[in-house]
Amino acid sequence: RGRRGRSFLSTEGGIYASFLFFGKAEALDISSLTARAAVVAVGAIERFCKVKIDIKWVNDLYINGKKVAGILTEGEFDENGKLRYFIVGMGINVYKIDDFERILPIATTLEDEICERPNKEKILAELIRGMREELLYQGSAEMLSEYRKRCNLIGRRVTVTRGEEMYEALVLSVKDDYALEVRLDSGKIVSLNSGEVSCKALG
């Protein structure tokens, strides 16, 4: 499933993996985990596929303006507010499938983009290595820099949805805590740590 319980097409043509972590995020802002996982996923895919992947804040990977992967991070806290565990779930569209035809205008697969059949097992193995060795331990400055370089919303006008609230804004930057900095039409600048943003060109 996707965010907010949305359906996510998951057939044999993709990689679907959930990574469970216990008690290792005390020193890490929980809100940055999805963004960091996106950087790990980009590295795993690009190691074996000749594509350039962009990141749509905060949890989607895009190739040539079409979605190729999604990430969902969830966790549970105890009565003292300490994180018990968190799970990073990921779906990557790898191979062409017949069911995919109906969403091709907004989504794509790795096979469609590189015009050859990727090695799904190698991508998954690299993804597992990256999640184990990089998600929590890689230097934060390096990972943040990579995320900023790939964020495809900078300079774009977007629609922000937060609960029942919806408004237009211009994306200015990704802050040090991975929050999205936007300027409202009123001129006010705000930082988004949660919510959703959409752009007509990206979906």
N, C-alpha and C. Protein backbone atom coordinates (compact mmCIF):
# COMPACT_ATOMS: atom_id res chain seq x y z
N ARG A 1 0.83 -1.20 0.00
CA ARG A 1 0.00 0.00 0.00
C ARG A 1 0.86 1.25 0.00
N GLY A 2 0.26 2.33 -0.39
CA GLY A 2 0.97 3.59 -0.40
C GLY A 2 0.62 4.42 0.82
N ARG A 3 0.98 5.70 0.78
CA ARG A 3 0.65 6.59 1.88
C ARG A 3 -0.85 6.75 2.02
N ARG A 4 -1.30 6.96 3.26
CA ARG A 4 -2.71 7.16 3.58
C ARG A 4 -3.58 6.02 3.08
N GLY A 5 -3.02 4.80 3.04
CA GLY A 5 -3.78 3.64 2.67
C GLY A 5 -4.08 3.51 1.19
N ARG A 6 -3.44 4.31 0.35
CA ARG A 6 -3.68 4.23 -1.09
C ARG A 6 -3.18 2.88 -1.63
N SER A 7 -3.82 2.42 -2.69
CA SER A 7 -3.39 1.17 -3.30
C SER A 7 -2.07 1.36 -4.03
N PHE A 8 -1.28 0.29 -4.12
CA PHE A 8 -0.02 0.32 -4.83
C PHE A 8 0.06 -0.96 -5.65
N LEU A 9 0.12 -0.81 -6.97
CA LEU A 9 0.16 -1.96 -7.86
C LEU A 9 1.44 -2.75 -7.62
N SER A 10 1.31 -4.00 -7.15
CA SER A 10 2.50 -4.79 -6.80
C SER A 10 2.36 -6.20 -7.37
N THR A 11 2.88 -6.37 -8.56
CA THR A 11 2.86 -7.68 -9.20
C THR A 11 4.27 -8.25 -9.23
N GLU A 12 4.45 -9.36 -9.93
CA GLU A 12 5.76 -10.01 -9.97
C GLU A 12 6.80 -9.20 -10.72
N GLY A 13 6.43 -8.09 -11.29
CA GLY A 13 7.38 -7.29 -12.05
C GLY A 13 8.21 -6.32 -11.24
N GLY A 14 8.09 -6.34 -9.92
CA GLY A 14 8.81 -5.34 -9.13
C GLY A 14 9.57 -5.91 -7.95
N ILE A 15 10.22 -5.00 -7.22
CA ILE A 15 10.88 -5.32 -5.96
C ILE A 15 10.04 -4.70 -4.85
N TYR A 16 9.67 -5.52 -3.87
CA TYR A 16 8.89 -5.04 -2.73
C TYR A 16 9.58 -5.53 -1.47
N ALA A 17 10.05 -4.61 -0.67
CA ALA A 17 10.84 -5.00 0.50
C ALA A 17 10.51 -4.09 1.68
N SER A 18 10.49 -4.67 2.87
CA SER A 18 10.30 -3.91 4.11
C SER A 18 11.50 -4.18 5.01
N PHE A 19 12.06 -3.10 5.56
CA PHE A 19 13.24 -3.19 6.41
C PHE A 19 12.87 -2.78 7.82
N LEU A 20 13.08 -3.66 8.77
CA LEU A 20 12.69 -3.45 10.15
C LEU A 20 13.92 -3.12 10.99
N PHE A 21 13.85 -2.01 11.74
CA PHE A 21 14.95 -1.58 12.59
C PHE A 21 14.44 -1.43 14.02
N PHE A 22 15.23 -1.89 14.98
CA PHE A 22 14.90 -1.75 16.39
C PHE A 22 15.89 -0.81 17.08
N GLY A 23 15.37 0.21 17.73
CA GLY A 23 16.16 1.03 18.64
C GLY A 23 17.44 1.61 18.12
N LYS A 24 17.47 1.97 16.82
CA LYS A 24 18.72 2.51 16.27
C LYS A 24 18.57 3.93 15.76
N ALA A 25 17.45 4.56 16.04
CA ALA A 25 17.21 5.88 15.47
C ALA A 25 17.11 6.98 16.52
N GLU A 26 17.59 6.72 17.75
CA GLU A 26 17.46 7.71 18.80
C GLU A 26 18.14 9.03 18.45
N ALA A 27 19.28 8.95 17.77
CA ALA A 27 20.03 10.16 17.45
C ALA A 27 19.69 10.69 16.06
N LEU A 28 18.69 10.11 15.42
CA LEU A 28 18.35 10.49 14.06
C LEU A 28 16.91 10.98 14.01
N ASP A 29 16.69 12.11 13.38
CA ASP A 29 15.33 12.64 13.24
C ASP A 29 14.50 11.65 12.44
N ILE A 30 13.44 11.13 13.06
CA ILE A 30 12.62 10.11 12.41
C ILE A 30 12.05 10.60 11.09
N SER A 31 11.81 11.92 10.98
CA SER A 31 11.22 12.45 9.75
C SER A 31 12.17 12.40 8.57
N SER A 32 13.47 12.22 8.83
CA SER A 32 14.44 12.19 7.73
C SER A 32 14.67 10.79 7.19
N LEU A 33 14.12 9.76 7.85
CA LEU A 33 14.42 8.40 7.45
C LEU A 33 13.95 8.08 6.04
N THR A 34 12.74 8.55 5.69
CA THR A 34 12.23 8.29 4.34
C THR A 34 13.13 8.93 3.29
N ALA A 35 13.56 10.15 3.55
CA ALA A 35 14.43 10.85 2.61
C ALA A 35 15.76 10.13 2.45
N ARG A 36 16.32 9.67 3.55
CA ARG A 36 17.59 8.96 3.50
C ARG A 36 17.44 7.62 2.78
N ALA A 37 16.31 6.95 3.00
CA ALA A 37 16.06 5.69 2.30
C ALA A 37 15.96 5.92 0.80
N ALA A 38 15.42 7.06 0.40
CA ALA A 38 15.34 7.38 -1.03
C ALA A 38 16.72 7.48 -1.65
N VAL A 39 17.66 8.08 -0.95
CA VAL A 39 19.03 8.20 -1.45
C VAL A 39 19.67 6.82 -1.57
N VAL A 40 19.43 5.95 -0.59
CA VAL A 40 19.96 4.58 -0.64
C VAL A 40 19.41 3.85 -1.86
N ALA A 41 18.10 3.99 -2.10
CA ALA A 41 17.45 3.30 -3.22
C ALA A 41 17.99 3.80 -4.56
N VAL A 42 18.20 5.10 -4.67
CA VAL A 42 18.76 5.66 -5.89
C VAL A 42 20.12 5.05 -6.19
N GLY A 43 20.96 4.94 -5.17
CA GLY A 43 22.29 4.37 -5.36
C GLY A 43 22.24 2.92 -5.80
N ALA A 44 21.31 2.15 -5.22
CA ALA A 44 21.19 0.74 -5.58
C ALA A 44 20.75 0.56 -7.02
N ILE A 45 19.79 1.37 -7.46
CA ILE A 45 19.28 1.26 -8.83
C ILE A 45 20.32 1.72 -9.85
N GLU A 46 20.92 2.87 -9.59
CA GLU A 46 21.84 3.45 -10.57
C GLU A 46 23.14 2.65 -10.70
N ARG A 47 23.44 1.83 -9.72
CA ARG A 47 24.64 1.00 -9.83
C ARG A 47 24.51 -0.01 -10.96
N PHE A 48 23.27 -0.46 -11.23
CA PHE A 48 23.07 -1.50 -12.24
C PHE A 48 22.23 -1.04 -13.44
N CYS A 49 21.70 0.17 -13.39
CA CYS A 49 20.88 0.67 -14.50
C CYS A 49 21.38 2.05 -14.92
N LYS A 50 21.55 2.25 -16.21
CA LYS A 50 22.04 3.52 -16.71
C LYS A 50 20.89 4.50 -16.84
N VAL A 51 20.46 5.03 -15.70
CA VAL A 51 19.38 6.01 -15.65
C VAL A 51 19.75 7.09 -14.66
N LYS A 52 19.09 8.23 -14.78
CA LYS A 52 19.23 9.30 -13.79
C LYS A 52 17.92 9.40 -13.03
N ILE A 53 17.98 9.23 -11.73
CA ILE A 53 16.78 9.20 -10.90
C ILE A 53 16.66 10.50 -10.10
N ASP A 54 15.47 11.08 -10.12
CA ASP A 54 15.16 12.25 -9.31
C ASP A 54 14.31 11.82 -8.13
N ILE A 55 14.31 12.65 -7.08
CA ILE A 55 13.52 12.38 -5.90
C ILE A 55 12.46 13.47 -5.74
N LYS A 56 11.22 13.06 -5.64
CA LYS A 56 10.14 13.99 -5.34
C LYS A 56 9.90 13.94 -3.84
N TRP A 57 10.07 15.07 -3.17
CA TRP A 57 9.91 15.12 -1.72
C TRP A 57 8.58 14.52 -1.33
N VAL A 58 8.50 13.63 -0.42
CA VAL A 58 9.70 13.19 0.27
C VAL A 58 10.01 11.74 -0.08
N ASN A 59 9.07 11.05 -0.74
CA ASN A 59 9.16 9.58 -0.75
C ASN A 59 9.05 8.91 -2.11
N ASP A 60 9.14 9.64 -3.21
CA ASP A 60 8.96 9.02 -4.53
C ASP A 60 10.20 9.20 -5.40
N LEU A 61 10.50 8.17 -6.21
CA LEU A 61 11.60 8.24 -7.16
C LEU A 61 11.03 8.37 -8.57
N TYR A 62 11.64 9.23 -9.37
CA TYR A 62 11.14 9.51 -10.72
C TYR A 62 12.26 9.37 -11.75
N ILE A 63 11.87 8.90 -12.94
CA ILE A 63 12.76 8.88 -14.10
C ILE A 63 12.03 9.56 -15.23
N ASN A 64 12.63 10.59 -15.80
CA ASN A 64 12.02 11.32 -16.91
C ASN A 64 10.59 11.75 -16.61
N GLY A 65 10.36 12.20 -15.38
CA GLY A 65 9.05 12.72 -15.01
C GLY A 65 8.00 11.68 -14.68
N LYS A 66 8.39 10.40 -14.61
CA LYS A 66 7.44 9.33 -14.28
C LYS A 66 7.90 8.58 -13.04
N LYS A 67 6.94 8.20 -12.21
CA LYS A 67 7.25 7.53 -10.95
C LYS A 67 7.72 6.10 -11.19
N VAL A 68 8.83 5.74 -10.54
CA VAL A 68 9.36 4.38 -10.67
C VAL A 68 9.42 3.66 -9.32
N ALA A 69 9.32 4.40 -8.22
CA ALA A 69 9.39 3.77 -6.91
C ALA A 69 8.75 4.65 -5.85
N GLY A 70 8.27 4.01 -4.78
CA GLY A 70 7.70 4.73 -3.65
C GLY A 70 8.21 4.14 -2.35
N ILE A 71 8.26 4.98 -1.32
CA ILE A 71 8.79 4.57 -0.02
C ILE A 71 7.82 5.01 1.06
N LEU A 72 7.61 4.15 2.05
CA LEU A 72 6.73 4.47 3.18
C LEU A 72 7.42 4.06 4.46
N THR A 73 7.58 5.00 5.40
CA THR A 73 8.22 4.72 6.68
C THR A 73 7.20 4.87 7.81
N GLU A 74 7.14 3.87 8.66
CA GLU A 74 6.23 3.89 9.80
C GLU A 74 6.96 3.38 11.03
N GLY A 75 6.49 3.77 12.21
CA GLY A 75 7.13 3.32 13.44
C GLY A 75 6.15 3.32 14.59
N GLU A 76 6.65 2.84 15.73
CA GLU A 76 5.83 2.82 16.94
C GLU A 76 6.66 3.31 18.11
N PHE A 77 6.03 4.18 18.93
CA PHE A 77 6.71 4.72 20.10
C PHE A 77 6.11 4.13 21.37
N ASP A 78 6.93 4.04 22.43
CA ASP A 78 6.41 3.54 23.69
C ASP A 78 5.77 4.68 24.48
N GLU A 79 5.33 4.40 25.72
CA GLU A 79 4.63 5.40 26.52
C GLU A 79 5.53 6.56 26.93
N ASN A 80 6.85 6.39 26.81
CA ASN A 80 7.79 7.45 27.15
C ASN A 80 8.24 8.24 25.92
N GLY A 81 7.66 7.93 24.78
CA GLY A 81 8.02 8.63 23.56
C GLY A 81 9.26 8.10 22.89
N LYS A 82 9.77 6.96 23.36
CA LYS A 82 10.96 6.37 22.76
C LYS A 82 10.54 5.44 21.62
N LEU A 83 11.28 5.50 20.54
CA LEU A 83 10.96 4.70 19.37
C LEU A 83 11.20 3.22 19.65
N ARG A 84 10.15 2.40 19.50
CA ARG A 84 10.31 0.95 19.66
C ARG A 84 10.96 0.35 18.43
N TYR A 85 10.45 0.73 17.28
CA TYR A 85 10.97 0.22 16.02
C TYR A 85 10.45 1.10 14.88
N PHE A 86 11.06 0.97 13.73
CA PHE A 86 10.50 1.61 12.53
C PHE A 86 10.70 0.68 11.35
N ILE A 87 9.82 0.80 10.38
CA ILE A 87 9.84 -0.03 9.18
C ILE A 87 9.90 0.88 7.95
N VAL A 88 10.85 0.61 7.08
CA VAL A 88 10.93 1.31 5.80
C VAL A 88 10.46 0.33 4.72
N GLY A 89 9.31 0.62 4.13
CA GLY A 89 8.78 -0.21 3.05
C GLY A 89 9.04 0.44 1.70
N MET A 90 9.33 -0.38 0.70
CA MET A 90 9.72 0.16 -0.59
C MET A 90 9.17 -0.69 -1.73
N GLY A 91 8.67 -0.03 -2.77
CA GLY A 91 8.24 -0.71 -3.98
C GLY A 91 8.92 -0.10 -5.19
N ILE A 92 9.58 -0.93 -6.00
CA ILE A 92 10.30 -0.44 -7.18
C ILE A 92 9.76 -1.17 -8.41
N ASN A 93 9.33 -0.43 -9.42
CA ASN A 93 8.85 -1.02 -10.67
C ASN A 93 10.05 -1.41 -11.52
N VAL A 94 10.26 -2.71 -11.70
CA VAL A 94 11.45 -3.19 -12.40
C VAL A 94 11.13 -3.66 -13.82
N TYR A 95 10.24 -4.66 -13.95
CA TYR A 95 9.98 -5.25 -15.26
C TYR A 95 8.65 -4.76 -15.86
N LYS A 96 8.58 -4.78 -17.18
CA LYS A 96 7.34 -4.46 -17.87
C LYS A 96 6.27 -5.50 -17.53
N ILE A 97 5.05 -5.03 -17.30
CA ILE A 97 3.93 -5.94 -17.03
C ILE A 97 2.68 -5.41 -17.72
N ASP A 98 1.79 -6.32 -18.10
CA ASP A 98 0.57 -5.94 -18.82
C ASP A 98 -0.31 -5.02 -17.99
N ASP A 99 -0.42 -5.29 -16.69
CA ASP A 99 -1.29 -4.48 -15.84
C ASP A 99 -0.83 -3.03 -15.75
N PHE A 100 0.39 -2.77 -16.16
CA PHE A 100 0.97 -1.44 -16.02
C PHE A 100 0.46 -0.46 -17.07
N GLU A 101 -0.14 -0.96 -18.14
CA GLU A 101 -0.54 -0.09 -19.24
C GLU A 101 -1.44 1.05 -18.79
N ARG A 102 -2.32 0.78 -17.81
CA ARG A 102 -3.30 1.80 -17.43
C ARG A 102 -2.68 2.96 -16.66
N ILE A 103 -1.47 2.81 -16.12
CA ILE A 103 -0.86 3.92 -15.40
C ILE A 103 0.43 4.41 -16.05
N LEU A 104 0.69 3.97 -17.29
CA LEU A 104 1.92 4.39 -17.97
C LEU A 104 2.06 5.90 -18.13
N PRO A 105 0.96 6.69 -18.26
CA PRO A 105 1.16 8.14 -18.39
C PRO A 105 1.86 8.77 -17.20
N ILE A 106 1.77 8.16 -16.02
CA ILE A 106 2.36 8.78 -14.83
C ILE A 106 3.42 7.90 -14.16
N ALA A 107 3.58 6.66 -14.61
CA ALA A 107 4.55 5.76 -13.99
C ALA A 107 5.37 5.04 -15.06
N THR A 108 6.47 4.44 -14.63
CA THR A 108 7.33 3.74 -15.57
C THR A 108 8.01 2.58 -14.85
N THR A 109 8.78 1.80 -15.59
CA THR A 109 9.57 0.71 -15.02
C THR A 109 11.02 0.89 -15.44
N LEU A 110 11.91 0.24 -14.72
CA LEU A 110 13.32 0.31 -15.09
C LEU A 110 13.55 -0.30 -16.47
N GLU A 111 12.86 -1.38 -16.76
CA GLU A 111 13.02 -2.03 -18.07
C GLU A 111 12.59 -1.11 -19.19
N ASP A 112 11.50 -0.36 -18.99
CA ASP A 112 11.05 0.60 -20.01
C ASP A 112 12.10 1.68 -20.25
N GLU A 113 12.77 2.09 -19.20
CA GLU A 113 13.69 3.23 -19.30
C GLU A 113 15.05 2.84 -19.87
N ILE A 114 15.55 1.65 -19.57
CA ILE A 114 16.89 1.28 -20.06
C ILE A 114 16.82 0.35 -21.27
N CYS A 115 15.58 -0.04 -21.65
CA CYS A 115 15.36 -0.87 -22.84
C CYS A 115 16.11 -2.20 -22.78
N GLU A 116 16.25 -2.74 -21.61
CA GLU A 116 16.80 -4.08 -21.42
C GLU A 116 16.33 -4.58 -20.06
N ARG A 117 16.45 -5.88 -19.83
CA ARG A 117 15.93 -6.46 -18.61
C ARG A 117 16.94 -6.32 -17.48
N PRO A 118 16.62 -5.53 -16.43
CA PRO A 118 17.55 -5.37 -15.32
C PRO A 118 17.66 -6.66 -14.51
N ASN A 119 18.74 -6.76 -13.74
CA ASN A 119 18.92 -7.90 -12.84
C ASN A 119 18.31 -7.52 -11.49
N LYS A 120 17.10 -8.01 -11.27
CA LYS A 120 16.36 -7.65 -10.06
C LYS A 120 17.08 -8.11 -8.79
N GLU A 121 17.70 -9.29 -8.84
CA GLU A 121 18.37 -9.83 -7.67
C GLU A 121 19.57 -8.97 -7.25
N LYS A 122 20.32 -8.48 -8.24
CA LYS A 122 21.47 -7.64 -7.92
C LYS A 122 21.03 -6.31 -7.33
N ILE A 123 19.97 -5.73 -7.87
CA ILE A 123 19.46 -4.47 -7.34
C ILE A 123 19.00 -4.66 -5.90
N LEU A 124 18.27 -5.75 -5.64
CA LEU A 124 17.79 -6.01 -4.30
C LEU A 124 18.94 -6.24 -3.32
N ALA A 125 19.95 -6.99 -3.75
CA ALA A 125 21.10 -7.24 -2.88
C ALA A 125 21.80 -5.93 -2.51
N GLU A 126 21.96 -5.03 -3.49
CA GLU A 126 22.60 -3.74 -3.22
C GLU A 126 21.72 -2.87 -2.32
N LEU A 127 20.42 -2.97 -2.52
CA LEU A 127 19.47 -2.23 -1.68
C LEU A 127 19.58 -2.69 -0.23
N ILE A 128 19.63 -3.99 -0.01
CA ILE A 128 19.78 -4.54 1.34
C ILE A 128 21.08 -4.07 1.97
N ARG A 129 22.17 -4.13 1.20
CA ARG A 129 23.46 -3.68 1.73
C ARG A 129 23.39 -2.21 2.12
N GLY A 130 22.81 -1.39 1.25
CA GLY A 130 22.73 0.03 1.53
C GLY A 130 21.88 0.35 2.75
N MET A 131 20.77 -0.35 2.89
CA MET A 131 19.91 -0.10 4.05
C MET A 131 20.60 -0.51 5.34
N ARG A 132 21.40 -1.55 5.29
CA ARG A 132 22.11 -2.02 6.50
C ARG A 132 23.29 -1.11 6.84
N GLU A 133 24.00 -0.64 5.83
CA GLU A 133 25.27 0.03 6.07
C GLU A 133 25.20 1.56 5.94
N GLU A 134 24.19 2.09 5.27
CA GLU A 134 24.19 3.51 4.98
C GLU A 134 23.04 4.30 5.61
N LEU A 135 21.87 3.69 5.77
CA LEU A 135 20.70 4.45 6.21
C LEU A 135 20.96 5.18 7.52
N LEU A 136 21.55 4.52 8.48
CA LEU A 136 21.76 5.11 9.80
C LEU A 136 23.19 5.55 10.06
N TYR A 137 24.14 5.08 9.23
CA TYR A 137 25.54 5.28 9.58
C TYR A 137 26.31 6.20 8.64
N GLN A 138 25.82 6.43 7.44
CA GLN A 138 26.57 7.29 6.51
C GLN A 138 26.53 8.73 6.96
N GLY A 139 27.60 9.47 6.72
CA GLY A 139 27.66 10.87 7.10
C GLY A 139 26.45 11.64 6.60
N SER A 140 25.79 12.33 7.49
CA SER A 140 24.54 13.00 7.16
C SER A 140 24.72 14.10 6.12
N ALA A 141 25.87 14.79 6.15
CA ALA A 141 26.10 15.87 5.20
C ALA A 141 26.17 15.35 3.77
N GLU A 142 26.82 14.21 3.60
CA GLU A 142 26.94 13.62 2.26
C GLU A 142 25.58 13.18 1.73
N MET A 143 24.79 12.56 2.58
CA MET A 143 23.47 12.08 2.16
C MET A 143 22.54 13.25 1.87
N LEU A 144 22.60 14.28 2.71
CA LEU A 144 21.76 15.46 2.51
C LEU A 144 22.11 16.15 1.19
N SER A 145 23.39 16.25 0.89
CA SER A 145 23.83 16.88 -0.35
C SER A 145 23.29 16.12 -1.57
N GLU A 146 23.33 14.80 -1.50
CA GLU A 146 22.83 13.98 -2.60
C GLU A 146 21.32 14.16 -2.76
N TYR A 147 20.62 14.22 -1.65
CA TYR A 147 19.16 14.42 -1.71
C TYR A 147 18.82 15.76 -2.35
N ARG A 148 19.51 16.81 -1.93
CA ARG A 148 19.26 18.14 -2.48
C ARG A 148 19.52 18.17 -3.99
N LYS A 149 20.58 17.51 -4.40
CA LYS A 149 20.96 17.50 -5.82
C LYS A 149 19.88 16.86 -6.68
N ARG A 150 19.17 15.89 -6.12
CA ARG A 150 18.20 15.13 -6.90
C ARG A 150 16.75 15.59 -6.71
N CYS A 151 16.50 16.46 -5.77
CA CYS A 151 15.14 16.90 -5.51
C CYS A 151 14.58 17.63 -6.73
N ASN A 152 13.49 17.12 -7.29
CA ASN A 152 12.98 17.68 -8.55
C ASN A 152 11.88 18.71 -8.36
N LEU A 153 11.72 19.23 -7.15
CA LEU A 153 10.68 20.23 -6.90
C LEU A 153 11.23 21.63 -6.71
N ILE A 154 12.54 21.76 -6.58
CA ILE A 154 13.13 23.08 -6.34
C ILE A 154 12.79 24.03 -7.48
N GLY A 155 12.24 25.19 -7.12
CA GLY A 155 11.89 26.20 -8.12
C GLY A 155 10.54 25.99 -8.78
N ARG A 156 9.82 24.95 -8.39
CA ARG A 156 8.51 24.65 -8.97
C ARG A 156 7.38 25.14 -8.07
N ARG A 157 6.26 25.46 -8.70
CA ARG A 157 5.04 25.74 -7.95
C ARG A 157 4.34 24.41 -7.69
N VAL A 158 3.89 24.24 -6.46
CA VAL A 158 3.27 22.99 -6.05
C VAL A 158 1.98 23.26 -5.28
N THR A 159 1.19 22.21 -5.15
CA THR A 159 0.04 22.24 -4.27
C THR A 159 0.39 21.46 -3.02
N VAL A 160 0.25 22.08 -1.87
CA VAL A 160 0.56 21.46 -0.59
C VAL A 160 -0.74 21.00 0.05
N THR A 161 -0.77 19.75 0.50
CA THR A 161 -1.93 19.21 1.21
C THR A 161 -1.50 18.75 2.58
N ARG A 162 -2.12 19.33 3.61
CA ARG A 162 -1.83 18.95 5.00
C ARG A 162 -3.15 18.79 5.73
N GLY A 163 -3.59 17.55 5.88
CA GLY A 163 -4.90 17.30 6.47
C GLY A 163 -5.99 17.83 5.56
N GLU A 164 -6.82 18.71 6.10
CA GLU A 164 -7.90 19.32 5.31
C GLU A 164 -7.43 20.59 4.61
N GLU A 165 -6.22 21.03 4.93
CA GLU A 165 -5.69 22.27 4.39
C GLU A 165 -5.00 22.03 3.04
N MET A 166 -5.23 22.94 2.08
CA MET A 166 -4.60 22.84 0.77
C MET A 166 -4.26 24.25 0.27
N TYR A 167 -3.04 24.44 -0.23
CA TYR A 167 -2.66 25.76 -0.72
C TYR A 167 -1.52 25.63 -1.73
N GLU A 168 -1.33 26.71 -2.50
CA GLU A 168 -0.27 26.77 -3.51
C GLU A 168 0.99 27.39 -2.90
N ALA A 169 2.15 26.98 -3.40
CA ALA A 169 3.40 27.52 -2.89
C ALA A 169 4.51 27.32 -3.90
N LEU A 170 5.60 28.05 -3.73
CA LEU A 170 6.80 27.91 -4.54
C LEU A 170 7.87 27.23 -3.70
N VAL A 171 8.45 26.15 -4.21
CA VAL A 171 9.47 25.42 -3.45
C VAL A 171 10.81 26.14 -3.56
N LEU A 172 11.42 26.42 -2.40
CA LEU A 172 12.67 27.16 -2.36
C LEU A 172 13.89 26.27 -2.15
N SER A 173 13.78 25.32 -1.21
CA SER A 173 14.96 24.51 -0.89
C SER A 173 14.58 23.33 0.00
N VAL A 174 15.56 22.44 0.19
CA VAL A 174 15.46 21.38 1.19
C VAL A 174 16.37 21.78 2.34
N LYS A 175 15.83 21.87 3.55
CA LYS A 175 16.60 22.33 4.70
C LYS A 175 17.46 21.19 5.28
N ASP A 176 18.27 21.54 6.27
CA ASP A 176 19.20 20.56 6.84
C ASP A 176 18.52 19.37 7.47
N ASP A 177 17.26 19.53 7.91
CA ASP A 177 16.52 18.42 8.51
C ASP A 177 15.61 17.74 7.49
N TYR A 178 15.84 18.00 6.21
CA TYR A 178 15.07 17.45 5.09
C TYR A 178 13.67 18.04 4.98
N ALA A 179 13.37 19.07 5.76
CA ALA A 179 12.10 19.76 5.59
C ALA A 179 12.12 20.52 4.26
N LEU A 180 10.94 20.68 3.66
CA LEU A 180 10.83 21.40 2.39
C LEU A 180 10.47 22.84 2.70
N GLU A 181 11.31 23.76 2.25
CA GLU A 181 11.06 25.18 2.47
C GLU A 181 10.29 25.75 1.29
N VAL A 182 9.13 26.35 1.56
CA VAL A 182 8.29 26.89 0.49
C VAL A 182 7.87 28.31 0.83
N ARG A 183 7.55 29.07 -0.24
CA ARG A 183 7.05 30.44 -0.06
C ARG A 183 5.60 30.49 -0.51
N LEU A 184 4.74 30.90 0.38
CA LEU A 184 3.32 31.02 0.06
C LEU A 184 3.09 32.24 -0.82
N ASP A 185 1.91 32.31 -1.43
CA ASP A 185 1.59 33.45 -2.28
C ASP A 185 1.55 34.75 -1.49
N SER A 186 1.34 34.66 -0.18
CA SER A 186 1.35 35.84 0.68
C SER A 186 2.76 36.37 0.92
N GLY A 187 3.76 35.58 0.54
CA GLY A 187 5.14 35.94 0.77
C GLY A 187 5.74 35.27 2.00
N LYS A 188 4.91 34.66 2.81
CA LYS A 188 5.38 33.98 4.01
C LYS A 188 6.15 32.72 3.63
N ILE A 189 7.27 32.47 4.31
CA ILE A 189 8.08 31.28 4.07
C ILE A 189 7.86 30.29 5.21
N VAL A 190 7.53 29.06 4.86
CA VAL A 190 7.27 28.03 5.87
C VAL A 190 8.07 26.77 5.54
N SER A 191 8.28 25.94 6.57
CA SER A 191 8.99 24.67 6.40
C SER A 191 8.01 23.52 6.59
N LEU A 192 8.04 22.57 5.68
CA LEU A 192 7.15 21.42 5.73
C LEU A 192 7.91 20.19 6.19
N ASN A 193 7.50 19.64 7.33
CA ASN A 193 8.07 18.38 7.80
C ASN A 193 7.12 17.22 7.55
N SER A 194 5.90 17.54 7.15
CA SER A 194 4.90 16.52 6.86
C SER A 194 3.95 17.06 5.82
N GLY A 195 3.03 16.20 5.37
CA GLY A 195 2.10 16.59 4.33
C GLY A 195 2.53 16.07 2.97
N GLU A 196 1.80 16.46 1.96
CA GLU A 196 2.09 16.03 0.59
C GLU A 196 2.17 17.24 -0.32
N VAL A 197 3.00 17.12 -1.33
CA VAL A 197 3.09 18.16 -2.35
C VAL A 197 2.87 17.51 -3.71
N SER A 198 2.21 18.22 -4.60
CA SER A 198 1.99 17.69 -5.93
C SER A 198 2.29 18.78 -6.95
N CYS A 199 2.73 18.34 -8.10
CA CYS A 199 3.07 19.23 -9.20
C CYS A 199 2.49 18.63 -10.46
N LYS A 200 1.82 19.42 -11.29
CA LYS A 200 1.15 18.87 -12.46
C LYS A 200 2.08 18.06 -13.35
N ALA A 201 3.31 18.50 -13.48
CA ALA A 201 4.24 17.81 -14.37
C ALA A 201 4.73 16.49 -13.80
N LEU A 202 4.52 16.29 -12.48
CA LEU A 202 5.06 15.11 -11.82
C LEU A 202 3.98 14.20 -11.26
N GLY A 203 2.81 14.72 -10.99
CA GLY A 203 1.75 13.91 -10.40
C GLY A 203 1.69 14.04 -8.90
